[in-house]
PDB file of N, CA and C in Angstrom:
ATOM      1  N   SER A   1     -19.776  23.145  42.160  1.00  0.00           N
ATOM      2  CA  SER A   1     -18.714  21.988  41.549  1.00  0.00           C
ATOM      3  C   SER A   1     -19.732  20.816  41.392  1.00  0.00           C
ATOM      4  N   ASN A   2     -18.534  19.733  40.778  1.00  0.00           N
ATOM      5  CA  ASN A   2     -19.655  18.126  40.202  1.00  0.00           C
ATOM      6  C   ASN A   2     -19.754  17.639  41.377  1.00  0.00           C
ATOM      7  N   PHE A   3     -18.829  17.819  42.429  1.00  0.00           N
ATOM      8  CA  PHE A   3     -18.568  16.816  44.602  1.00  0.00           C
ATOM      9  C   PHE A   3     -19.585  18.424  44.892  1.00  0.00           C
ATOM     10  N   ASP A   4     -20.580  19.405  44.791  1.00  0.00           N
ATOM     11  CA  ASP A   4     -21.038  20.230  45.346  1.00  0.00           C
ATOM     12  C   ASP A   4     -22.815  19.249  45.681  1.00  0.00           C
ATOM     13  N   PHE A   5     -22.626  18.951  46.638  1.00  0.00           N
ATOM     14  CA  PHE A   5     -24.375  17.741  46.635  1.00  0.00           C
ATOM     15  C   PHE A   5     -25.193  18.620  47.304  1.00  0.00           C
ATOM     16  N   THR A   6     -24.742  19.416  48.341  1.00  0.00           N
ATOM     17  CA  THR A   6     -25.212  20.388  49.083  1.00  0.00           C
ATOM     18  C   THR A   6     -26.147  21.279  48.545  1.00  0.00           C
ATOM     19  N   ALA A   7     -26.629  21.757  47.278  1.00  0.00           N
ATOM     20  CA  ALA A   7     -26.643  22.410  46.261  1.00  0.00           C
ATOM     21  C   ALA A   7     -27.823  21.683  45.388  1.00  0.00           C
ATOM     22  N   MET A   8     -27.482  20.374  45.479  1.00  0.00           N
ATOM     23  CA  MET A   8     -28.180  19.237  44.670  1.00  0.00           C
ATOM     24  C   MET A   8     -29.715  18.728  45.278  1.00  0.00           C
ATOM     25  N   ASP A   9     -30.436  19.424  44.087  1.00  0.00           N
ATOM     26  CA  ASP A   9     -32.151  18.600  43.903  1.00  0.00           C
ATOM     27  C   ASP A   9     -32.132  17.423  44.560  1.00  0.00           C
ATOM     28  N   MET A  10     -32.241  15.972  45.687  1.00  0.00           N
ATOM     29  CA  MET A  10     -31.963  14.749  46.048  1.00  0.00           C
ATOM     30  C   MET A  10     -33.809  14.584  44.708  1.00  0.00           C
ATOM     31  N   LYS A  11     -34.740  15.438  45.042  1.00  0.00           N
ATOM     32  CA  LYS A  11     -34.768  14.857  43.724  1.00  0.00           C
ATOM     33  C   LYS A  11     -35.945  14.668  42.601  1.00  0.00           C
ATOM     34  N   GLU A  12     -34.932  15.852  42.103  1.00  0.00           N
ATOM     35  CA  GLU A  12     -34.348  15.865  41.153  1.00  0.00           C
ATOM     36  C   GLU A  12     -33.923  14.949  40.417  1.00  0.00           C
ATOM     37  N   ALA A  13     -32.674  15.294  41.299  1.00  0.00           N
ATOM     38  CA  ALA A  13     -31.989  13.684  41.220  1.00  0.00           C
ATOM     39  C   ALA A  13     -32.425  12.505  40.549  1.00  0.00           C
ATOM     40  N   GLN A  14     -33.235  11.708  42.338  1.00  0.00           N
ATOM     41  CA  GLN A  14     -33.933  10.900  42.052  1.00  0.00           C
ATOM     42  C   GLN A  14     -35.461  10.109  40.477  1.00  0.00           C
ATOM     43  N   SER A  15     -35.632  11.319  40.033  1.00  0.00           N
ATOM     44  CA  SER A  15     -36.969  11.417  39.011  1.00  0.00           C
ATOM     45  C   SER A  15     -35.729  11.522  38.009  1.00  0.00           C
ATOM     46  N   ARG A  16     -34.475  11.440  37.747  1.00  0.00           N
ATOM     47  CA  ARG A  16     -33.939  11.815  36.222  1.00  0.00           C
ATOM     48  C   ARG A  16     -32.627  10.441  36.902  1.00  0.00           C
ATOM     49  N   LEU A  17     -32.804  10.472  38.170  1.00  0.00           N
ATOM     50  CA  LEU A  17     -32.279   8.420  37.899  1.00  0.00           C
ATOM     51  C   LEU A  17     -33.159   7.652  37.163  1.00  0.00           C
ATOM     52  N   GLN A  18     -34.311   7.319  38.246  1.00  0.00           N
ATOM     53  CA  GLN A  18     -35.617   6.777  37.135  1.00  0.00           C
ATOM     54  C   GLN A  18     -35.675   6.706  35.653  1.00  0.00           C
ATOM     55  N   SER A  19     -35.315   7.467  35.312  1.00  0.00           N
ATOM     56  CA  SER A  19     -35.690   8.163  34.718  1.00  0.00           C
ATOM     57  C   SER A  19     -34.469   7.290  33.256  1.00  0.00           C
ATOM     58  N   LEU A  20     -33.231   8.137  33.258  1.00  0.00           N
ATOM     59  CA  LEU A  20     -32.438   7.163  33.426  1.00  0.00           C
ATOM     60  C   LEU A  20     -32.511   5.598  32.897  1.00  0.00           C
ATOM     61  N   LYS A  21     -32.725   5.233  33.986  1.00  0.00           N
ATOM     62  CA  LYS A  21     -33.493   3.397  34.196  1.00  0.00           C
ATOM     63  C   LYS A  21     -34.355   2.676  33.455  1.00  0.00           C
ATOM     64  N   GLU A  22     -35.017   3.922  32.516  1.00  0.00           N
ATOM     65  CA  GLU A  22     -36.548   3.422  31.431  1.00  0.00           C
ATOM     66  C   GLU A  22     -36.059   3.266  30.910  1.00  0.00           C
ATOM     67  N   GLN A  23     -34.897   4.449  30.508  1.00  0.00           N
ATOM     68  CA  GLN A  23     -34.657   4.735  28.829  1.00  0.00           C
ATOM     69  C   GLN A  23     -34.288   3.347  28.628  1.00  0.00           C
ATOM     70  N   GLN A  24     -32.564   2.545  29.738  1.00  0.00           N
ATOM     71  CA  GLN A  24     -31.817   1.509  29.955  1.00  0.00           C
ATOM     72  C   GLN A  24     -32.643   0.674  29.142  1.00  0.00           C
ATOM     73  N   GLU A  25     -34.057   0.540  30.071  1.00  0.00           N
ATOM     74  CA  GLU A  25     -34.564  -0.591  29.825  1.00  0.00           C
ATOM     75  C   GLU A  25     -35.725  -1.436  28.558  1.00  0.00           C
ATOM     76  N   ARG A  26     -35.209   0.362  28.132  1.00  0.00           N
ATOM     77  CA  ARG A  26     -36.711   0.294  26.736  1.00  0.00           C
ATOM     78  C   ARG A  26     -35.341   0.136  25.752  1.00  0.00           C
ATOM     79  N   LEU A  27     -33.815   0.621  25.932  1.00  0.00           N
ATOM     80  CA  LEU A  27     -32.964  -0.074  24.444  1.00  0.00           C
ATOM     81  C   LEU A  27     -32.216  -0.966  24.901  1.00  0.00           C
ATOM     82  N   SER A  28     -32.506  -1.729  26.187  1.00  0.00           N
ATOM     83  CA  SER A  28     -31.403  -2.760  26.393  1.00  0.00           C
ATOM     84  C   SER A  28     -32.842  -3.418  25.232  1.00  0.00           C
ATOM     85  N   LYS A  29     -33.790  -3.332  24.988  1.00  0.00           N
ATOM     86  CA  LYS A  29     -34.901  -4.439  24.151  1.00  0.00           C
ATOM     87  C   LYS A  29     -34.300  -4.614  23.189  1.00  0.00           C
ATOM     88  N   THR A  30     -34.542  -3.386  22.689  1.00  0.00           N
ATOM     89  CA  THR A  30     -33.724  -2.953  21.307  1.00  0.00           C
ATOM     90  C   THR A  30     -32.244  -3.479  21.100  1.00  0.00           C
ATOM     91  N   ILE A  31     -31.839  -3.134  21.714  1.00  0.00           N
ATOM     92  CA  ILE A  31     -30.026  -3.166  21.226  1.00  0.00           C
ATOM     93  C   ILE A  31     -29.748  -4.510  21.415  1.00  0.00           C
ATOM     94  N   ASN A  32     -29.174  -5.728  20.774  1.00  0.00           N
ATOM     95  CA  ASN A  32     -28.673  -6.636  20.906  1.00  0.00           C
ATOM     96  C   ASN A  32     -27.176  -6.558  21.130  1.00  0.00           C
ATOM     97  N   ARG A  33     -26.778  -7.621  22.351  1.00  0.00           N
ATOM     98  CA  ARG A  33     -25.824  -6.919  23.603  1.00  0.00           C
ATOM     99  C   ARG A  33     -24.581  -7.689  22.794  1.00  0.00           C
ATOM    100  N   LYS A  34     -25.182  -9.119  22.158  1.00  0.00           N
ATOM    101  CA  LYS A  34     -23.629  -9.696  21.373  1.00  0.00           C
ATOM    102  C   LYS A  34     -23.387  -8.859  20.306  1.00  0.00           C
ATOM    103  N   VAL A  35     -24.654  -8.032  19.505  1.00  0.00           N
ATOM    104  CA  VAL A  35     -24.180  -7.418  18.753  1.00  0.00           C
ATOM    105  C   VAL A  35     -23.168  -6.613  19.408  1.00  0.00           C
ATOM    106  N   VAL A  36     -22.700  -5.555  19.929  1.00  0.00           N
ATOM    107  CA  VAL A  36     -21.569  -4.685  20.916  1.00  0.00           C
ATOM    108  C   VAL A  36     -20.553  -5.044  20.584  1.00  0.00           C
ATOM    109  N   GLY A  37     -20.467  -6.585  21.032  1.00  0.00           N
ATOM    110  CA  GLY A  37     -19.310  -7.067  21.508  1.00  0.00           C
ATOM    111  C   GLY A  37     -19.438  -7.363  19.824  1.00  0.00           C
ATOM    112  N   MET A  38     -19.244  -8.198  19.625  1.00  0.00           N
ATOM    113  CA  MET A  38     -19.353  -8.175  17.688  1.00  0.00           C
ATOM    114  C   MET A  38     -18.567  -6.591  17.354  1.00  0.00           C
ATOM    115  N   ILE A  39     -19.512  -5.655  17.253  1.00  0.00           N
ATOM    116  CA  ILE A  39     -18.640  -4.765  16.779  1.00  0.00           C
ATOM    117  C   ILE A  39     -17.439  -4.473  17.125  1.00  0.00           C
ATOM    118  N   ALA A  40     -16.685  -4.433  18.914  1.00  0.00           N
ATOM    119  CA  ALA A  40     -16.257  -4.359  19.029  1.00  0.00           C
ATOM    120  C   ALA A  40     -14.947  -5.264  18.579  1.00  0.00           C
ATOM    121  N   GLU A  41     -15.755  -6.305  18.730  1.00  0.00           N
ATOM    122  CA  GLU A  41     -14.118  -7.215  17.815  1.00  0.00           C
ATOM    123  C   GLU A  41     -13.546  -7.296  16.657  1.00  0.00           C
ATOM    124  N   ALA A  42     -15.145  -6.562  15.791  1.00  0.00           N
ATOM    125  CA  ALA A  42     -14.736  -6.660  14.322  1.00  0.00           C
ATOM    126  C   ALA A  42     -13.979  -5.332  14.571  1.00  0.00           C
ATOM    127  N   GLU A  43     -14.514  -4.322  15.628  1.00  0.00           N
ATOM    128  CA  GLU A  43     -12.694  -2.793  15.668  1.00  0.00           C
ATOM    129  C   GLU A  43     -11.673  -3.280  15.432  1.00  0.00           C
ATOM    130  N   SER A  44     -11.404  -4.223  16.531  1.00  0.00           N
ATOM    131  CA  SER A  44      -9.937  -4.397  17.147  1.00  0.00           C
ATOM    132  C   SER A  44      -9.557  -6.050  16.070  1.00  0.00           C
ATOM    133  N   GLN A  45     -10.430  -6.513  15.180  1.00  0.00           N
ATOM    134  CA  GLN A  45      -9.502  -6.734  13.832  1.00  0.00           C
ATOM    135  C   GLN A  45      -9.087  -6.060  13.199  1.00  0.00           C
ATOM    136  N   TYR A  46      -9.903  -4.888  12.440  1.00  0.00           N
ATOM    137  CA  TYR A  46      -9.943  -4.289  11.650  1.00  0.00           C
ATOM    138  C   TYR A  46      -8.159  -3.531  11.984  1.00  0.00           C
ATOM    139  N   GLU A  47      -7.857  -2.664  13.125  1.00  0.00           N
ATOM    140  CA  GLU A  47      -6.882  -2.401  13.956  1.00  0.00           C
ATOM    141  C   GLU A  47      -5.695  -3.603  13.325  1.00  0.00           C
ATOM    142  N   ASP A  48      -5.936  -3.811  13.919  1.00  0.00           N
ATOM    143  CA  ASP A  48      -4.627  -6.208  13.482  1.00  0.00           C
ATOM    144  C   ASP A  48      -4.511  -5.537  12.290  1.00  0.00           C
ATOM    145  N   LEU A  49      -5.433  -5.642  11.527  1.00  0.00           N
ATOM    146  CA  LEU A  49      -5.555  -6.041  10.323  1.00  0.00           C
ATOM    147  C   LEU A  49      -5.008  -4.767   9.888  1.00  0.00           C
ATOM    148  N   LYS A  50      -4.786  -3.614  10.000  1.00  0.00           N
ATOM    149  CA  LYS A  50      -4.478  -2.149   9.506  1.00  0.00           C
ATOM    150  C   LYS A  50      -2.758  -1.913   8.902  1.00  0.00           C
ATOM    151  N   LYS A  51      -2.830  -2.164  11.255  1.00  0.00           N
ATOM    152  CA  LYS A  51      -1.050  -2.302  11.289  1.00  0.00           C
ATOM    153  C   LYS A  51      -0.435  -3.590  10.155  1.00  0.00           C
ATOM    154  N   LYS A  52      -0.890  -4.707  10.265  1.00  0.00           N
ATOM    155  CA  LYS A  52      -0.400  -5.737   9.516  1.00  0.00           C
ATOM    156  C   LYS A  52      -0.313  -5.327   8.109  1.00  0.00           C
ATOM    157  N   ARG A  53      -1.387  -5.035   7.894  1.00  0.00           N
ATOM    158  CA  ARG A  53      -0.540  -3.800   6.012  1.00  0.00           C
ATOM    159  C   ARG A  53       0.843  -2.683   5.973  1.00  0.00           C
ATOM    160  N   GLU A  54       0.432  -2.038   7.264  1.00  0.00           N
ATOM    161  CA  GLU A  54       1.168  -1.041   7.481  1.00  0.00           C
ATOM    162  C   GLU A  54       3.185  -2.184   7.313  1.00  0.00           C
ATOM    163  N   VAL A  55       1.933  -2.913   7.910  1.00  0.00           N
ATOM    164  CA  VAL A  55       4.095  -4.404   8.432  1.00  0.00           C
ATOM    165  C   VAL A  55       4.539  -4.732   6.540  1.00  0.00           C
ATOM    166  N   VAL A  56       3.422  -5.739   6.000  1.00  0.00           N
ATOM    167  CA  VAL A  56       3.485  -5.690   4.436  1.00  0.00           C
ATOM    168  C   VAL A  56       4.193  -4.606   3.736  1.00  0.00           C
ATOM    169  N   THR A  57       3.358  -3.421   3.885  1.00  0.00           N
ATOM    170  CA  THR A  57       3.483  -2.024   2.631  1.00  0.00           C
ATOM    171  C   THR A  57       5.530  -1.671   2.840  1.00  0.00           C
ATOM    172  N   ARG A  58       5.459  -2.188   4.372  1.00  0.00           N
ATOM    173  CA  ARG A  58       7.319  -1.696   4.826  1.00  0.00           C
ATOM    174  C   ARG A  58       7.772  -2.528   3.752  1.00  0.00           C
ATOM    175  N   ASP A  59       7.601  -3.686   4.399  1.00  0.00           N
ATOM    176  CA  ASP A  59       8.070  -4.762   3.628  1.00  0.00           C
ATOM    177  C   ASP A  59       8.721  -4.904   2.172  1.00  0.00           C
ATOM    178  N   LYS A  60       7.133  -4.604   1.482  1.00  0.00           N
ATOM    179  CA  LYS A  60       7.587  -4.494   0.142  1.00  0.00           C
ATOM    180  C   LYS A  60       8.250  -3.782  -0.617  1.00  0.00           C
ATOM    181  N   GLU A  61       8.042  -2.518  -0.125  1.00  0.00           N
ATOM    182  CA  GLU A  61       9.461  -0.961  -0.093  1.00  0.00           C
ATOM    183  C   GLU A  61      11.043  -1.296  -0.077  1.00  0.00           C
ATOM    184  N   LYS A  62      11.047  -2.266   1.302  1.00  0.00           N
ATOM    185  CA  LYS A  62      12.061  -2.472   1.202  1.00  0.00           C
ATOM    186  C   LYS A  62      12.261  -3.830   0.314  1.00  0.00           C
ATOM    187  N   ILE A  63      11.493  -5.282   0.243  1.00  0.00           N
ATOM    188  CA  ILE A  63      12.296  -5.955  -0.519  1.00  0.00           C
ATOM    189  C   ILE A  63      12.192  -5.260  -2.498  1.00  0.00           C
ATOM    190  N   GLU A  64      11.722  -4.171  -2.647  1.00  0.00           N
ATOM    191  CA  GLU A  64      11.501  -3.348  -4.048  1.00  0.00           C
ATOM    192  C   GLU A  64      12.870  -2.954  -3.454  1.00  0.00           C
ATOM    193  N   ALA A  65      13.256  -1.970  -2.762  1.00  0.00           N
ATOM    194  CA  ALA A  65      14.695  -1.839  -2.824  1.00  0.00           C
ATOM    195  C   ALA A  65      16.151  -2.682  -2.975  1.00  0.00           C
ATOM    196  N   VAL A  66      15.953  -3.338  -2.416  1.00  0.00           N
ATOM    197  CA  VAL A  66      17.232  -4.846  -3.013  1.00  0.00           C
ATOM    198  C   VAL A  66      16.710  -5.844  -3.744  1.00  0.00           C
ATOM    199  N   ILE A  67      15.917  -5.278  -4.638  1.00  0.00           N
ATOM    200  CA  ILE A  67      15.964  -6.036  -6.489  1.00  0.00           C
ATOM    201  C   ILE A  67      16.199  -4.288  -7.505  1.00  0.00           C
ATOM    202  N   LYS A  68      16.599  -3.507  -6.834  1.00  0.00           N
ATOM    203  CA  LYS A  68      16.387  -3.127  -7.538  1.00  0.00           C
ATOM    204  C   LYS A  68      18.224  -2.611  -7.100  1.00  0.00           C
ATOM    205  N   GLU A  69      18.336  -2.881  -5.539  1.00  0.00           N
ATOM    206  CA  GLU A  69      19.966  -3.561  -5.894  1.00  0.00           C
ATOM    207  C   GLU A  69      20.983  -3.968  -6.351  1.00  0.00           C
ATOM    208  N   LEU A  70      20.328  -4.781  -6.985  1.00  0.00           N
ATOM    209  CA  LEU A  70      20.240  -6.795  -7.213  1.00  0.00           C
ATOM    210  C   LEU A  70      20.251  -6.736  -9.157  1.00  0.00           C
ATOM    211  N   ASP A  71      19.110  -5.324  -9.171  1.00  0.00           N
ATOM    212  CA  ASP A  71      19.225  -5.358 -10.585  1.00  0.00           C
ATOM    213  C   ASP A  71      20.735  -4.651 -11.421  1.00  0.00           C
ATOM    214  N   VAL A  72      21.561  -3.977  -9.612  1.00  0.00           N
ATOM    215  CA  VAL A  72      22.258  -2.822 -10.559  1.00  0.00           C
ATOM    216  C   VAL A  72      23.863  -3.561 -10.856  1.00  0.00           C
ATOM    217  N   LYS A  73      23.644  -4.481  -9.415  1.00  0.00           N
ATOM    218  CA  LYS A  73      24.517  -5.423  -9.395  1.00  0.00           C
ATOM    219  C   LYS A  73      25.081  -6.587 -10.801  1.00  0.00           C
ATOM    220  N   LYS A  74      23.509  -6.562 -10.276  1.00  0.00           N
ATOM    221  CA  LYS A  74      23.400  -8.393 -12.093  1.00  0.00           C
ATOM    222  C   LYS A  74      24.454  -7.361 -12.745  1.00  0.00           C
ATOM    223  N   ALA A  75      24.137  -5.890 -13.479  1.00  0.00           N
ATOM    224  CA  ALA A  75      24.140  -5.195 -14.793  1.00  0.00           C
ATOM    225  C   ALA A  75      25.493  -4.784 -14.698  1.00  0.00           C
ATOM    226  N   ASP A  76      26.446  -4.486 -13.488  1.00  0.00           N
ATOM    227  CA  ASP A  76      27.603  -4.305 -13.388  1.00  0.00           C
ATOM    228  C   ASP A  76      27.726  -5.620 -13.895  1.00  0.00           C
ATOM    229  N   ALA A  77      27.708  -6.715 -12.863  1.00  0.00           N
ATOM    230  CA  ALA A  77      28.937  -8.515 -12.506  1.00  0.00           C
ATOM    231  C   ALA A  77      28.317  -8.458 -14.858  1.00  0.00           C
ATOM    232  N   LEU A  78      27.675  -7.983 -14.649  1.00  0.00           N
ATOM    233  CA  LEU A  78      27.193  -8.679 -16.841  1.00  0.00           C
ATOM    234  C   LEU A  78      27.861  -7.653 -17.243  1.00  0.00           C
ATOM    235  N   HIS A  79      28.243  -6.739 -17.215  1.00  0.00           N
ATOM    236  CA  HIS A  79      29.226  -5.949 -18.451  1.00  0.00           C
ATOM    237  C   HIS A  79      30.310  -6.352 -17.540  1.00  0.00           C
ATOM    238  N   ARG A  80      31.259  -6.608 -16.423  1.00  0.00           N
ATOM    239  CA  ARG A  80      32.596  -6.765 -16.140  1.00  0.00           C
ATOM    240  C   ARG A  80      32.736  -7.585 -17.454  1.00  0.00           C
ATOM    241  N   THR A  81      31.434  -9.372 -17.236  1.00  0.00           N
ATOM    242  CA  THR A  81      32.092 -10.128 -17.953  1.00  0.00           C
ATOM    243  C   THR A  81      32.236 -10.377 -19.384  1.00  0.00           C
ATOM    244  N   TRP A  82      31.664  -9.526 -19.784  1.00  0.00           N
ATOM    245  CA  TRP A  82      31.819  -8.978 -20.525  1.00  0.00           C
ATOM    246  C   TRP A  82      33.100  -8.615 -21.320  1.00  0.00           C
ATOM    247  N   ARG A  83      33.133  -7.809 -20.539  1.00  0.00           N
ATOM    248  CA  ARG A  83      34.879  -6.720 -20.908  1.00  0.00           C
ATOM    249  C   ARG A  83      36.153  -7.631 -21.261  1.00  0.00           C
ATOM    250  N   LYS A  84      35.425  -8.475 -20.252  1.00  0.00           N
ATOM    251  CA  LYS A  84      36.221 -10.302 -19.802  1.00  0.00           C
ATOM    252  C   LYS A  84      36.563 -11.044 -21.233  1.00  0.00           C
ATOM    253  N   VAL A  85      34.705 -11.413 -21.659  1.00  0.00           N
ATOM    254  CA  VAL A  85      34.908 -12.061 -22.573  1.00  0.00           C
ATOM    255  C   VAL A  85      35.768 -11.383 -24.006  1.00  0.00           C
ATOM    256  N   ASN A  86      35.773 -10.718 -23.773  1.00  0.00           N
ATOM    257  CA  ASN A  86      35.700  -9.747 -25.040  1.00  0.00           C
ATOM    258  C   ASN A  86      37.216  -9.804 -25.333  1.00  0.00           C
ATOM    259  N   THR A  87      37.952  -8.913 -23.781  1.00  0.00           N
ATOM    260  CA  THR A  87      39.439  -9.444 -24.540  1.00  0.00           C
ATOM    261  C   THR A  87      40.350 -10.940 -24.492  1.00  0.00           C
ATOM    262  N   ASP A  88      39.572 -11.669 -23.663  1.00  0.00           N
ATOM    263  CA  ASP A  88      39.877 -12.779 -23.760  1.00  0.00           C
ATOM    264  C   ASP A  88      39.552 -13.100 -25.439  1.00  0.00           C
ATOM    265  N   PHE A  89      38.101 -13.128 -25.986  1.00  0.00           N
ATOM    266  CA  PHE A  89      37.869 -13.429 -27.541  1.00  0.00           C
ATOM    267  C   PHE A  89      38.828 -12.684 -28.145  1.00  0.00           C
ATOM    268  N   GLY A  90      39.089 -11.397 -28.735  1.00  0.00           N
ATOM    269  CA  GLY A  90      40.295 -10.900 -29.039  1.00  0.00           C
ATOM    270  C   GLY A  90      41.569 -12.088 -28.947  1.00  0.00           C
ATOM    271  N   SER A  91      41.900 -11.810 -27.841  1.00  0.00           N
ATOM    272  CA  SER A  91      43.235 -12.558 -28.193  1.00  0.00           C
ATOM    273  C   SER A  91      43.950 -13.546 -28.390  1.00  0.00           C
ATOM    274  N   ILE A  92      42.338 -14.788 -28.458  1.00  0.00           N
ATOM    275  CA  ILE A  92      42.252 -16.131 -28.601  1.00  0.00           C
ATOM    276  C   ILE A  92      41.813 -15.947 -30.468  1.00  0.00           C
ATOM    277  N   PHE A  93      41.432 -15.209 -31.078  1.00  0.00           N
ATOM    278  CA  PHE A  93      41.292 -14.720 -32.477  1.00  0.00           C
ATOM    279  C   PHE A  93      42.479 -14.342 -32.717  1.00  0.00           C
ATOM    280  N   SER A  94      42.345 -13.381 -31.820  1.00  0.00           N
ATOM    281  CA  SER A  94      44.351 -12.695 -32.833  1.00  0.00           C
ATOM    282  C   SER A  94      45.825 -13.941 -32.725  1.00  0.00           C
ATOM    283  N   THR A  95      45.502 -14.517 -32.140  1.00  0.00           N
ATOM    284  CA  THR A  95      46.630 -15.918 -31.493  1.00  0.00           C
ATOM    285  C   THR A  95      46.274 -16.915 -32.877  1.00  0.00           C
ATOM    286  N   LEU A  96      44.969 -17.629 -33.244  1.00  0.00           N
ATOM    287  CA  LEU A  96      44.863 -17.880 -34.236  1.00  0.00           C
ATOM    288  C   LEU A  96      45.247 -17.868 -35.484  1.00  0.00           C
ATOM    289  N   LEU A  97      44.721 -16.414 -35.242  1.00  0.00           N
ATOM    290  CA  LEU A  97      44.603 -15.487 -37.052  1.00  0.00           C
ATOM    291  C   LEU A  97      45.810 -14.647 -36.756  1.00  0.00           C
ATOM    292  N   PRO A  98      46.702 -14.891 -37.184  1.00  0.00           N
ATOM    293  CA  PRO A  98      47.627 -14.005 -36.913  1.00  0.00           C
ATOM    294  C   PRO A  98      46.733 -12.484 -37.738  1.00  0.00           C
ATOM    295  N   GLY A  99      47.489 -10.934 -37.194  1.00  0.00           N
ATOM    296  CA  GLY A  99      46.942  -9.691 -37.789  1.00  0.00           C
ATOM    297  C   GLY A  99      45.127 -10.277 -38.312  1.00  0.00           C
ATOM    298  N   CYS A 100      44.474 -10.750 -38.100  1.00  0.00           N
ATOM    299  CA  CYS A 100      43.339 -10.454 -37.748  1.00  0.00           C
ATOM    300  C   CYS A 100      42.789  -9.953 -35.791  1.00  0.00           C
ATOM    301  N   SER A 101      42.185 -10.181 -35.829  1.00  0.00           N
ATOM    302  CA  SER A 101      41.004  -9.263 -34.456  1.00  0.00           C
ATOM    303  C   SER A 101      39.244  -9.419 -34.475  1.00  0.00           C
ATOM    304  N   ALA A 102      39.198  -9.270 -33.876  1.00  0.00           N
ATOM    305  CA  ALA A 102      37.675 -10.007 -33.004  1.00  0.00           C
ATOM    306  C   ALA A 102      36.977  -8.982 -31.876  1.00  0.00           C
ATOM    307  N   LYS A 103      35.797  -8.612 -32.063  1.00  0.00           N
ATOM    308  CA  LYS A 103      35.329  -8.211 -30.536  1.00  0.00           C
ATOM    309  C   LYS A 103      34.160  -9.045 -30.664  1.00  0.00           C
ATOM    310  N   LEU A 104      33.848  -8.979 -29.976  1.00  0.00           N
ATOM    311  CA  LEU A 104      31.701  -8.570 -29.825  1.00  0.00           C
ATOM    312  C   LEU A 104      31.037  -8.236 -29.797  1.00  0.00           C
ATOM    313  N   GLU A 105      30.000  -7.620 -29.837  1.00  0.00           N
ATOM    314  CA  GLU A 105      28.634  -6.585 -29.755  1.00  0.00           C
ATOM    315  C   GLU A 105      28.669  -6.533 -28.102  1.00  0.00           C
ATOM    316  N   PRO A 106      28.411  -5.022 -28.137  1.00  0.00           N
ATOM    317  CA  PRO A 106      28.015  -5.482 -26.876  1.00  0.00           C
ATOM    318  C   PRO A 106      26.675  -5.009 -26.564  1.00  0.00           C
ATOM    319  N   PRO A 107      26.405  -5.723 -25.380  1.00  0.00           N
ATOM    320  CA  PRO A 107      25.257  -6.179 -25.208  1.00  0.00           C
ATOM    321  C   PRO A 107      23.930  -5.296 -24.987  1.00  0.00           C
TER     322      PRO A 107
END
């Protein structure tokens, strides 16, 4: 297993450790640690922006649904108002000019 150290060759392990340390030292000269931090920060900002975009998208869908609902209510209110005005207009017109009738054209 990974934790059975009796079967492990210590000289080989020390050699591997030294090799890895040398490799890390070489890479640390070519890799800017600040850039690694900047990449992590940029990734964090990206994830945050994705979450915000999802919220905005959901809110947009809700707003569009409310607008559609309001449009339906507006059309219904306009139609009811038109019918009421048409009825009243016809009544007033026939009162002023007996035997005549008038009505509004539908919208």
